[in-house]
Amino acid sequence: MANETSSAWTRVELPFPDETPRRLRISIGPGKLTLRPGDPDPWVSGSVRADDAMFPPKIELDRGDATLTQKGGGSFRIRRGISPNLELALGSAQPYALTLEGGANDINCDLGGLPLEELTGDFGAGRIKITCSAPNPVAMKTLAIHTGATDLTLSNLANFNAEEIIIEGGAAAFHIDFGGELLRDCQAKISTGVASLSITLPRSIAARVSAGTTLGSLTVGDGFMTKGGGYWTEAALIGNAPVLNLTASSSLGSLKLLLGD
C-alpha cells in the first residue's frame, strides 16, 4: 500500500489482502472518477490529482476491507478551474465486492471482466456512466444503485452476471441497457420518481417485463408481445433461458421500453 506524490499527481497502489471476504469502497467528494480494468495485481492502482493536496487521498485497510477516500470535511477547497480527479485501475486476481460513493460527481466506469461478487453505488447528483464491457467471471449476488438527481447511464448490464439488480433514483434521466450475455436468471427492479427512464433490451434476450407509471407516460417500442399483463420478448415466449424478469416503474416521469440490436 503506497501513496507517492509528484508535482501534479499522487500515485495510489493497494495490494490484494490475504483475508476474505474482500470488500473495496471508493468514496469521493465533488470531482471526477475514472475506473477501468487493470492488471490482475494489484487490487487498486492509479493516480489522484494532487492540486488539492490539503485533502490527499486516504487508504484504510482492515483485514479484507479496504476504503479509499478523497474527501475533506465534506467539501473541497480548490482553486478556480481545478477539481479532484481520480484515475484508477482495478485488479482481477481475486474476487471482491465493490462499493462506489459520491456526491456531485462525474463518474465514468468500465468494470468489464472484473470478478465482482457484489456492486453497490450510492450517488447524490452529477453524471454517472457505468458499463461492463466483458462478462463477469464470477457470479454476482446483487447489483444495487441508488441515486438522487443524477444523469445515470448503465450499459451492458447482462455482463455483470448478477442474480438481482436494483436501481432506484429520484430526478434527472436514467438510460439503462441490458446488453451483453445473460448467463443465468436475473431479477431486476428499476424505479424512479420524476426522472425520464429509458430501458433497452437486446432482441435476443429472454425477458418478461412489468412496466408502468403512476402519473407519467409509458412508451413501449416495437417487438414486444403482451402476455399476462406484461411485455415479453419473442425469446421469452418460445421458452428460451436464462430469463430476465424485470419490473420497471416511474412515478411522475416518462418510461420508455425499447428493443435494441
C-alpha atoms as a PDB file:
ATOM      1  CA  MET A   1       0.000   0.000   0.000  1.00  0.00           C
ATOM      2  CA  ALA A   2       1.598   3.240  -1.110  1.00  0.00           C
ATOM      3  CA  ASN A   3       0.980   6.896  -1.868  1.00  0.00           C
ATOM      4  CA  GLU A   4       3.725   8.562  -3.923  1.00  0.00           C
ATOM      5  CA  THR A   5       3.306  12.273  -4.591  1.00  0.00           C
ATOM      6  CA  SER A   6       4.613  14.101  -7.672  1.00  0.00           C
ATOM      7  CA  SER A   7       4.163  17.759  -8.562  1.00  0.00           C
ATOM      8  CA  ALA A   8       0.738  17.145 -10.094  1.00  0.00           C
ATOM      9  CA  TRP A   9      -0.477  13.714  -9.022  1.00  0.00           C
ATOM     10  CA  THR A  10      -0.479  11.351  -6.078  1.00  0.00           C
ATOM     11  CA  ARG A  11       0.233   7.749  -7.062  1.00  0.00           C
ATOM     12  CA  VAL A  12      -2.009   5.154  -5.387  1.00  0.00           C
ATOM     13  CA  GLU A  13      -1.351   1.430  -5.102  1.00  0.00           C
ATOM     14  CA  LEU A  14      -3.116  -1.156  -2.938  1.00  0.00           C
ATOM     15  CA  PRO A  15      -2.329  -4.904  -2.999  1.00  0.00           C
ATOM     16  CA  PHE A  16      -4.935  -7.611  -2.517  1.00  0.00           C
ATOM     17  CA  PRO A  17      -5.258  -8.597   1.152  1.00  0.00           C
ATOM     18  CA  ASP A  18      -4.951 -12.249   2.133  1.00  0.00           C
ATOM     19  CA  GLU A  19      -8.059 -12.083   4.301  1.00  0.00           C
ATOM     20  CA  THR A  20     -11.525 -12.787   2.888  1.00  0.00           C
ATOM     21  CA  PRO A  21     -14.162 -11.705   2.119  1.00  0.00           C
ATOM     22  CA  ARG A  22     -12.623  -8.757   0.250  1.00  0.00           C
ATOM     23  CA  ARG A  23     -14.595  -5.516   0.049  1.00  0.00           C
ATOM     24  CA  LEU A  24     -13.400  -2.334  -1.634  1.00  0.00           C
ATOM     25  CA  ARG A  25     -15.109   1.019  -1.013  1.00  0.00           C
ATOM     26  CA  ILE A  26     -14.236   4.127  -3.050  1.00  0.00           C
ATOM     27  CA  SER A  27     -15.743   7.312  -1.629  1.00  0.00           C
ATOM     28  CA  ILE A  28     -15.142  10.737  -3.166  1.00  0.00           C
ATOM     29  CA  GLY A  29     -16.341  14.289  -2.808  1.00  0.00           C
ATOM     30  CA  PRO A  30     -17.227  16.556  -5.768  1.00  0.00           C
ATOM     31  CA  GLY A  31     -14.985  15.778  -8.714  1.00  0.00           C
ATOM     32  CA  LYS A  32     -14.183  13.163 -11.351  1.00  0.00           C
ATOM     33  CA  LEU A  33     -13.641   9.433 -11.021  1.00  0.00           C
ATOM     34  CA  THR A  34     -12.495   7.122 -13.813  1.00  0.00           C
ATOM     35  CA  LEU A  35     -12.356   3.361 -13.226  1.00  0.00           C
ATOM     36  CA  ARG A  36     -11.161   0.680 -15.625  1.00  0.00           C
ATOM     37  CA  PRO A  37      -9.885  -2.906 -15.508  1.00  0.00           C
ATOM     38  CA  GLY A  38      -6.167  -3.112 -14.811  1.00  0.00           C
ATOM     39  CA  ASP A  39      -3.585  -5.863 -14.470  1.00  0.00           C
ATOM     40  CA  PRO A  40      -4.511  -8.875 -12.308  1.00  0.00           C
ATOM     41  CA  ASP A  41      -2.423  -7.338  -9.495  1.00  0.00           C
ATOM     42  CA  PRO A  42      -2.506  -5.043  -7.572  1.00  0.00           C
ATOM     43  CA  TRP A  43      -6.062  -4.561  -6.300  1.00  0.00           C
ATOM     44  CA  VAL A  44      -6.021  -0.795  -6.944  1.00  0.00           C
ATOM     45  CA  SER A  45      -3.537   1.298  -8.863  1.00  0.00           C
ATOM     46  CA  GLY A  46      -3.652   4.738 -10.404  1.00  0.00           C
ATOM     47  CA  SER A  47      -3.318   8.437  -9.769  1.00  0.00           C
ATOM     48  CA  VAL A  48      -5.134  11.197  -7.926  1.00  0.00           C
ATOM     49  CA  ARG A  49      -4.726  14.855  -8.833  1.00  0.00           C
ATOM     50  CA  ALA A  50      -2.707  16.476  -6.072  1.00  0.00           C
ATOM     51  CA  ASP A  51      -3.668  20.116  -6.683  1.00  0.00           C
ATOM     52  CA  ASP A  52      -5.957  19.768  -3.680  1.00  0.00           C
ATOM     53  CA  ALA A  53      -3.076  18.453  -1.594  1.00  0.00           C
ATOM     54  CA  MET A  54      -4.624  19.704   1.637  1.00  0.00           C
ATOM     55  CA  PHE A  55      -7.009  16.760   1.206  1.00  0.00           C
ATOM     56  CA  PRO A  56      -4.781  13.929  -0.070  1.00  0.00           C
ATOM     57  CA  PRO A  57      -6.355  10.524  -0.748  1.00  0.00           C
ATOM     58  CA  LYS A  58      -6.653   8.291   2.277  1.00  0.00           C
ATOM     59  CA  ILE A  59      -6.444   4.495   2.234  1.00  0.00           C
ATOM     60  CA  GLU A  60      -7.619   2.372   5.157  1.00  0.00           C
ATOM     61  CA  LEU A  61      -7.248  -1.418   5.279  1.00  0.00           C
ATOM     62  CA  ASP A  62      -8.913  -3.591   7.918  1.00  0.00           C
ATOM     63  CA  ARG A  63      -8.376  -7.278   7.171  1.00  0.00           C
ATOM     64  CA  GLY A  64     -10.272  -7.826   3.892  1.00  0.00           C
ATOM     65  CA  ASP A  65     -11.990  -4.426   3.917  1.00  0.00           C
ATOM     66  CA  ALA A  66     -10.330  -1.515   2.100  1.00  0.00           C
ATOM     67  CA  THR A  67     -11.556   2.081   1.824  1.00  0.00           C
ATOM     68  CA  LEU A  68     -10.133   4.751  -0.474  1.00  0.00           C
ATOM     69  CA  THR A  69     -11.482   8.217   0.285  1.00  0.00           C
ATOM     70  CA  GLN A  70     -10.836  11.581  -1.318  1.00  0.00           C
ATOM     71  CA  LYS A  71     -12.784  13.907   0.922  1.00  0.00           C
ATOM     72  CA  GLY A  72     -12.129  16.666   3.368  1.00  0.00           C
ATOM     73  CA  GLY A  73     -14.701  17.722   5.892  1.00  0.00           C
ATOM     74  CA  GLY A  74     -17.432  17.079   3.336  1.00  0.00           C
ATOM     75  CA  SER A  75     -16.111  19.681   0.869  1.00  0.00           C
ATOM     76  CA  PHE A  76     -13.051  20.639  -1.137  1.00  0.00           C
ATOM     77  CA  ARG A  77     -11.150  23.919  -1.022  1.00  0.00           C
ATOM     78  CA  ILE A  78      -9.827  24.038  -4.553  1.00  0.00           C
ATOM     79  CA  ARG A  79      -8.539  26.685  -6.888  1.00  0.00           C
ATOM     80  CA  ARG A  80     -10.778  28.023  -9.607  1.00  0.00           C
ATOM     81  CA  GLY A  81     -10.870  25.609 -12.561  1.00  0.00           C
ATOM     82  CA  ILE A  82      -9.316  22.709 -10.582  1.00  0.00           C
ATOM     83  CA  SER A  83     -11.370  19.753  -9.398  1.00  0.00           C
ATOM     84  CA  PRO A  84     -10.393  16.474  -7.728  1.00  0.00           C
ATOM     85  CA  ASN A  85      -9.659  13.826 -10.334  1.00  0.00           C
ATOM     86  CA  LEU A  86      -9.133  10.104  -9.647  1.00  0.00           C
ATOM     87  CA  GLU A  87      -7.965   7.741 -12.390  1.00  0.00           C
ATOM     88  CA  LEU A  88      -7.878   4.200 -11.037  1.00  0.00           C
ATOM     89  CA  ALA A  89      -7.432   0.661 -12.378  1.00  0.00           C
ATOM     90  CA  LEU A  90      -8.849  -2.342 -10.526  1.00  0.00           C
ATOM     91  CA  GLY A  91      -7.267  -5.781 -10.354  1.00  0.00           C
ATOM     92  CA  SER A  92      -8.802  -9.125 -11.285  1.00  0.00           C
ATOM     93  CA  ALA A  93      -6.649 -11.695  -9.454  1.00  0.00           C
ATOM     94  CA  GLN A  94      -9.192 -12.229  -6.634  1.00  0.00           C
ATOM     95  CA  PRO A  95     -12.996 -11.856  -6.320  1.00  0.00           C
ATOM     96  CA  TYR A  96     -14.341  -8.956  -4.258  1.00  0.00           C
ATOM     97  CA  ALA A  97     -17.292  -6.669  -3.578  1.00  0.00           C
ATOM     98  CA  LEU A  98     -17.146  -3.059  -4.800  1.00  0.00           C
ATOM     99  CA  THR A  99     -18.914  -0.005  -3.369  1.00  0.00           C
ATOM    100  CA  LEU A 100     -18.846   3.426  -5.031  1.00  0.00           C
ATOM    101  CA  GLU A 101     -19.986   6.540  -3.177  1.00  0.00           C
ATOM    102  CA  GLY A 102     -20.142  10.091  -4.488  1.00  0.00           C
ATOM    103  CA  GLY A 103     -21.870  13.443  -4.250  1.00  0.00           C
ATOM    104  CA  ALA A 104     -21.898  15.838  -7.210  1.00  0.00           C
ATOM    105  CA  ASN A 105     -19.650  13.787  -9.461  1.00  0.00           C
ATOM    106  CA  ASP A 106     -18.628  12.988 -12.987  1.00  0.00           C
ATOM    107  CA  ILE A 107     -18.041   9.236 -12.828  1.00  0.00           C
ATOM    108  CA  ASN A 108     -17.065   7.019 -15.753  1.00  0.00           C
ATOM    109  CA  CYS A 109     -16.510   3.309 -15.057  1.00  0.00           C
ATOM    110  CA  ASP A 110     -15.784   0.244 -17.172  1.00  0.00           C
ATOM    111  CA  LEU A 111     -15.877  -2.788 -14.882  1.00  0.00           C
ATOM    112  CA  GLY A 112     -15.700  -5.384 -17.641  1.00  0.00           C
ATOM    113  CA  GLY A 113     -14.092  -8.704 -16.747  1.00  0.00           C
ATOM    114  CA  LEU A 114     -13.615  -7.874 -13.059  1.00  0.00           C
ATOM    115  CA  PRO A 115     -14.559 -10.698 -10.625  1.00  0.00           C
ATOM    116  CA  LEU A 116     -17.198  -8.718  -8.726  1.00  0.00           C
ATOM    117  CA  GLU A 117     -19.302 -10.602  -6.176  1.00  0.00           C
ATOM    118  CA  GLU A 118     -21.377  -7.505  -5.434  1.00  0.00           C
ATOM    119  CA  LEU A 119     -21.634  -3.957  -6.780  1.00  0.00           C
ATOM    120  CA  THR A 120     -23.182  -1.085  -4.842  1.00  0.00           C
ATOM    121  CA  GLY A 121     -23.432   2.556  -5.900  1.00  0.00           C
ATOM    122  CA  ASP A 122     -24.732   5.460  -3.822  1.00  0.00           C
ATOM    123  CA  PHE A 123     -24.688   8.811  -5.637  1.00  0.00           C
ATOM    124  CA  GLY A 124     -26.147  12.213  -4.879  1.00  0.00           C
ATOM    125  CA  ALA A 125     -26.053  14.126  -8.151  1.00  0.00           C
ATOM    126  CA  GLY A 126     -23.996  14.584 -11.292  1.00  0.00           C
ATOM    127  CA  ARG A 127     -23.332  12.365 -14.299  1.00  0.00           C
ATOM    128  CA  ILE A 128     -22.690   8.665 -13.781  1.00  0.00           C
ATOM    129  CA  LYS A 129     -21.702   6.194 -16.503  1.00  0.00           C
ATOM    130  CA  ILE A 130     -21.097   2.543 -15.650  1.00  0.00           C
ATOM    131  CA  THR A 131     -20.567  -0.238 -18.174  1.00  0.00           C
ATOM    132  CA  CYS A 132     -19.374  -3.843 -18.163  1.00  0.00           C
ATOM    133  CA  SER A 133     -17.576  -4.389 -21.471  1.00  0.00           C
ATOM    134  CA  ALA A 134     -16.758  -8.070 -20.779  1.00  0.00           C
ATOM    135  CA  PRO A 135     -18.591 -10.760 -18.756  1.00  0.00           C
ATOM    136  CA  ASN A 136     -18.024 -11.023 -15.020  1.00  0.00           C
ATOM    137  CA  PRO A 137     -16.140 -14.339 -14.455  1.00  0.00           C
ATOM    138  CA  VAL A 138     -17.852 -14.918 -11.081  1.00  0.00           C
ATOM    139  CA  ALA A 139     -21.485 -14.963 -10.015  1.00  0.00           C
ATOM    140  CA  MET A 140     -22.621 -11.611  -8.623  1.00  0.00           C
ATOM    141  CA  LYS A 141     -25.206 -11.708  -5.861  1.00  0.00           C
ATOM    142  CA  THR A 142     -26.580  -8.150  -6.074  1.00  0.00           C
ATOM    143  CA  LEU A 143     -26.074  -5.031  -8.165  1.00  0.00           C
ATOM    144  CA  ALA A 144     -27.701  -2.085  -6.372  1.00  0.00           C
ATOM    145  CA  ILE A 145     -27.600   1.557  -7.493  1.00  0.00           C
ATOM    146  CA  HIS A 146     -29.228   4.392  -5.504  1.00  0.00           C
ATOM    147  CA  THR A 147     -29.121   7.959  -6.809  1.00  0.00           C
ATOM    148  CA  GLY A 148     -30.629  11.399  -6.350  1.00  0.00           C
ATOM    149  CA  ALA A 149     -30.759  13.969  -9.161  1.00  0.00           C
ATOM    150  CA  THR A 150     -28.423  12.061 -11.451  1.00  0.00           C
ATOM    151  CA  ASP A 151     -27.929  11.629 -15.175  1.00  0.00           C
ATOM    152  CA  LEU A 152     -27.343   7.886 -14.978  1.00  0.00           C
ATOM    153  CA  THR A 153     -26.225   5.607 -17.813  1.00  0.00           C
ATOM    154  CA  LEU A 154     -25.825   1.885 -17.148  1.00  0.00           C
ATOM    155  CA  SER A 155     -24.881  -0.315 -20.096  1.00  0.00           C
ATOM    156  CA  ASN A 156     -24.142  -3.981 -20.737  1.00  0.00           C
ATOM    157  CA  LEU A 157     -25.906  -4.917 -17.516  1.00  0.00           C
ATOM    158  CA  ALA A 158     -26.286  -8.572 -18.526  1.00  0.00           C
ATOM    159  CA  ASN A 159     -22.489  -8.929 -18.452  1.00  0.00           C
ATOM    160  CA  PHE A 160     -22.419  -8.288 -14.699  1.00  0.00           C
ATOM    161  CA  ASN A 161     -23.766 -11.837 -14.187  1.00  0.00           C
ATOM    162  CA  ALA A 162     -25.983 -10.605 -11.341  1.00  0.00           C
ATOM    163  CA  GLU A 163     -28.696 -12.628  -9.652  1.00  0.00           C
ATOM    164  CA  GLU A 164     -30.502  -9.449  -8.563  1.00  0.00           C
ATOM    165  CA  ILE A 165     -30.419  -5.878  -9.904  1.00  0.00           C
ATOM    166  CA  ILE A 166     -31.966  -2.947  -8.013  1.00  0.00           C
ATOM    167  CA  ILE A 167     -31.847   0.595  -9.420  1.00  0.00           C
ATOM    168  CA  GLU A 168     -33.581   3.451  -7.591  1.00  0.00           C
ATOM    169  CA  GLY A 169     -33.478   7.161  -8.260  1.00  0.00           C
ATOM    170  CA  GLY A 170     -35.244  10.479  -7.995  1.00  0.00           C
ATOM    171  CA  ALA A 171     -34.895  13.095 -10.720  1.00  0.00           C
ATOM    172  CA  ALA A 172     -32.879  13.741 -13.930  1.00  0.00           C
ATOM    173  CA  ALA A 173     -32.501  10.982 -16.561  1.00  0.00           C
ATOM    174  CA  PHE A 174     -31.859   7.248 -16.493  1.00  0.00           C
ATOM    175  CA  HIS A 175     -30.558   5.317 -19.512  1.00  0.00           C
ATOM    176  CA  ILE A 176     -30.496   1.575 -18.825  1.00  0.00           C
ATOM    177  CA  ASP A 177     -29.183  -1.003 -21.305  1.00  0.00           C
ATOM    178  CA  PHE A 178     -29.264  -4.754 -20.624  1.00  0.00           C
ATOM    179  CA  GLY A 179     -26.756  -5.589 -23.364  1.00  0.00           C
ATOM    180  CA  GLY A 180     -24.174  -8.311 -23.048  1.00  0.00           C
ATOM    181  CA  GLU A 181     -24.646 -12.010 -22.333  1.00  0.00           C
ATOM    182  CA  LEU A 182     -27.236 -13.182 -19.805  1.00  0.00           C
ATOM    183  CA  LEU A 183     -25.659 -16.243 -18.165  1.00  0.00           C
ATOM    184  CA  ARG A 184     -28.377 -17.036 -15.582  1.00  0.00           C
ATOM    185  CA  ASP A 185     -31.824 -15.960 -14.471  1.00  0.00           C
ATOM    186  CA  CYS A 186     -31.915 -12.388 -13.169  1.00  0.00           C
ATOM    187  CA  GLN A 187     -34.498 -10.492 -11.129  1.00  0.00           C
ATOM    188  CA  ALA A 188     -34.326  -6.755 -11.825  1.00  0.00           C
ATOM    189  CA  LYS A 189     -36.270  -3.838 -10.372  1.00  0.00           C
ATOM    190  CA  ILE A 190     -35.943  -0.239 -11.599  1.00  0.00           C
ATOM    191  CA  SER A 191     -37.920   2.594 -10.010  1.00  0.00           C
ATOM    192  CA  THR A 192     -37.680   6.372 -10.432  1.00  0.00           C
ATOM    193  CA  GLY A 193     -39.525   9.462  -9.242  1.00  0.00           C
ATOM    194  CA  VAL A 194     -39.713  12.338 -11.727  1.00  0.00           C
ATOM    195  CA  ALA A 195     -36.841  11.138 -13.895  1.00  0.00           C
ATOM    196  CA  SER A 196     -37.156  10.136 -17.534  1.00  0.00           C
ATOM    197  CA  LEU A 197     -36.412   6.426 -17.705  1.00  0.00           C
ATOM    198  CA  SER A 198     -35.318   4.636 -20.873  1.00  0.00           C
ATOM    199  CA  ILE A 199     -34.701   0.872 -20.831  1.00  0.00           C
ATOM    200  CA  THR A 200     -33.244  -1.006 -23.799  1.00  0.00           C
ATOM    201  CA  LEU A 201     -33.174  -4.802 -24.082  1.00  0.00           C
ATOM    202  CA  PRO A 202     -31.382  -6.842 -26.760  1.00  0.00           C
ATOM    203  CA  ARG A 203     -33.826  -8.531 -29.142  1.00  0.00           C
ATOM    204  CA  SER A 204     -32.181 -11.882 -28.446  1.00  0.00           C
ATOM    205  CA  ILE A 205     -32.705 -11.799 -24.676  1.00  0.00           C
ATOM    206  CA  ALA A 206     -35.493 -13.781 -22.987  1.00  0.00           C
ATOM    207  CA  ALA A 207     -37.200 -11.109 -20.900  1.00  0.00           C
ATOM    208  CA  ARG A 208     -40.514 -10.735 -19.093  1.00  0.00           C
ATOM    209  CA  VAL A 209     -41.235  -7.112 -18.215  1.00  0.00           C
ATOM    210  CA  SER A 210     -43.802  -5.472 -15.964  1.00  0.00           C
ATOM    211  CA  ALA A 211     -43.751  -1.736 -16.683  1.00  0.00           C
ATOM    212  CA  GLY A 212     -45.947   1.184 -15.618  1.00  0.00           C
ATOM    213  CA  THR A 213     -46.164   4.752 -14.367  1.00  0.00           C
ATOM    214  CA  THR A 214     -48.322   6.497 -11.771  1.00  0.00           C
ATOM    215  CA  LEU A 215     -48.864   9.907 -13.369  1.00  0.00           C
ATOM    216  CA  GLY A 216     -46.234   9.745 -16.111  1.00  0.00           C
ATOM    217  CA  SER A 217     -46.198   8.334 -19.642  1.00  0.00           C
ATOM    218  CA  LEU A 218     -45.349   4.830 -20.862  1.00  0.00           C
ATOM    219  CA  THR A 219     -43.988   4.096 -24.343  1.00  0.00           C
ATOM    220  CA  VAL A 220     -43.403   0.505 -25.465  1.00  0.00           C
ATOM    221  CA  GLY A 221     -41.392   0.004 -28.658  1.00  0.00           C
ATOM    222  CA  ASP A 222     -41.988  -2.491 -31.440  1.00  0.00           C
ATOM    223  CA  GLY A 223     -41.149  -6.137 -30.938  1.00  0.00           C
ATOM    224  CA  PHE A 224     -42.661  -6.779 -27.520  1.00  0.00           C
ATOM    225  CA  MET A 225     -45.607  -9.158 -27.088  1.00  0.00           C
ATOM    226  CA  THR A 226     -48.192  -8.728 -24.344  1.00  0.00           C
ATOM    227  CA  LYS A 227     -48.870 -11.646 -22.041  1.00  0.00           C
ATOM    228  CA  GLY A 228     -50.334 -11.810 -18.555  1.00  0.00           C
ATOM    229  CA  GLY A 229     -50.418  -8.029 -18.275  1.00  0.00           C
ATOM    230  CA  GLY A 230     -46.719  -7.702 -19.095  1.00  0.00           C
ATOM    231  CA  TYR A 231     -44.406  -7.318 -22.076  1.00  0.00           C
ATOM    232  CA  TRP A 232     -42.425 -10.321 -23.298  1.00  0.00           C
ATOM    233  CA  THR A 233     -39.669 -10.663 -25.829  1.00  0.00           C
ATOM    234  CA  GLU A 234     -40.001 -13.349 -28.500  1.00  0.00           C
ATOM    235  CA  ALA A 235     -37.217 -15.365 -26.864  1.00  0.00           C
ATOM    236  CA  ALA A 236     -39.200 -15.489 -23.619  1.00  0.00           C
ATOM    237  CA  LEU A 237     -42.419 -16.516 -25.399  1.00  0.00           C
ATOM    238  CA  ILE A 238     -40.779 -19.536 -27.006  1.00  0.00           C
ATOM    239  CA  GLY A 239     -39.284 -20.616 -23.685  1.00  0.00           C
ATOM    240  CA  ASN A 240     -35.623 -19.675 -24.053  1.00  0.00           C
ATOM    241  CA  ALA A 241     -33.472 -19.463 -20.939  1.00  0.00           C
ATOM    242  CA  PRO A 242     -31.985 -17.892 -18.902  1.00  0.00           C
ATOM    243  CA  VAL A 243     -34.685 -15.280 -18.265  1.00  0.00           C
ATOM    244  CA  LEU A 244     -34.587 -11.647 -17.196  1.00  0.00           C
ATOM    245  CA  ASN A 245     -37.594 -10.801 -15.020  1.00  0.00           C
ATOM    246  CA  LEU A 246     -37.807  -7.009 -14.968  1.00  0.00           C
ATOM    247  CA  THR A 247     -40.128  -4.686 -13.042  1.00  0.00           C
ATOM    248  CA  ALA A 248     -39.876  -1.030 -14.105  1.00  0.00           C
ATOM    249  CA  SER A 249     -41.815   1.934 -12.760  1.00  0.00           C
ATOM    250  CA  SER A 250     -41.768   5.729 -12.840  1.00  0.00           C
ATOM    251  CA  SER A 251     -43.958   7.795 -10.539  1.00  0.00           C
ATOM    252  CA  LEU A 252     -44.122  11.147 -12.357  1.00  0.00           C
ATOM    253  CA  GLY A 253     -41.662  10.821 -15.219  1.00  0.00           C
ATOM    254  CA  SER A 254     -41.676   9.124 -18.612  1.00  0.00           C
ATOM    255  CA  LEU A 255     -40.829   5.450 -19.146  1.00  0.00           C
ATOM    256  CA  LYS A 256     -39.670   4.035 -22.477  1.00  0.00           C
ATOM    257  CA  LEU A 257     -39.223   0.314 -23.072  1.00  0.00           C
ATOM    258  CA  LEU A 258     -37.254  -0.464 -26.228  1.00  0.00           C
ATOM    259  CA  LEU A 259     -35.635  -3.362 -28.072  1.00  0.00           C
ATOM    260  CA  GLY A 260     -32.145  -2.886 -29.460  1.00  0.00           C
ATOM    261  CA  ASP A 261     -29.790  -4.976 -31.551  1.00  0.00           C
END
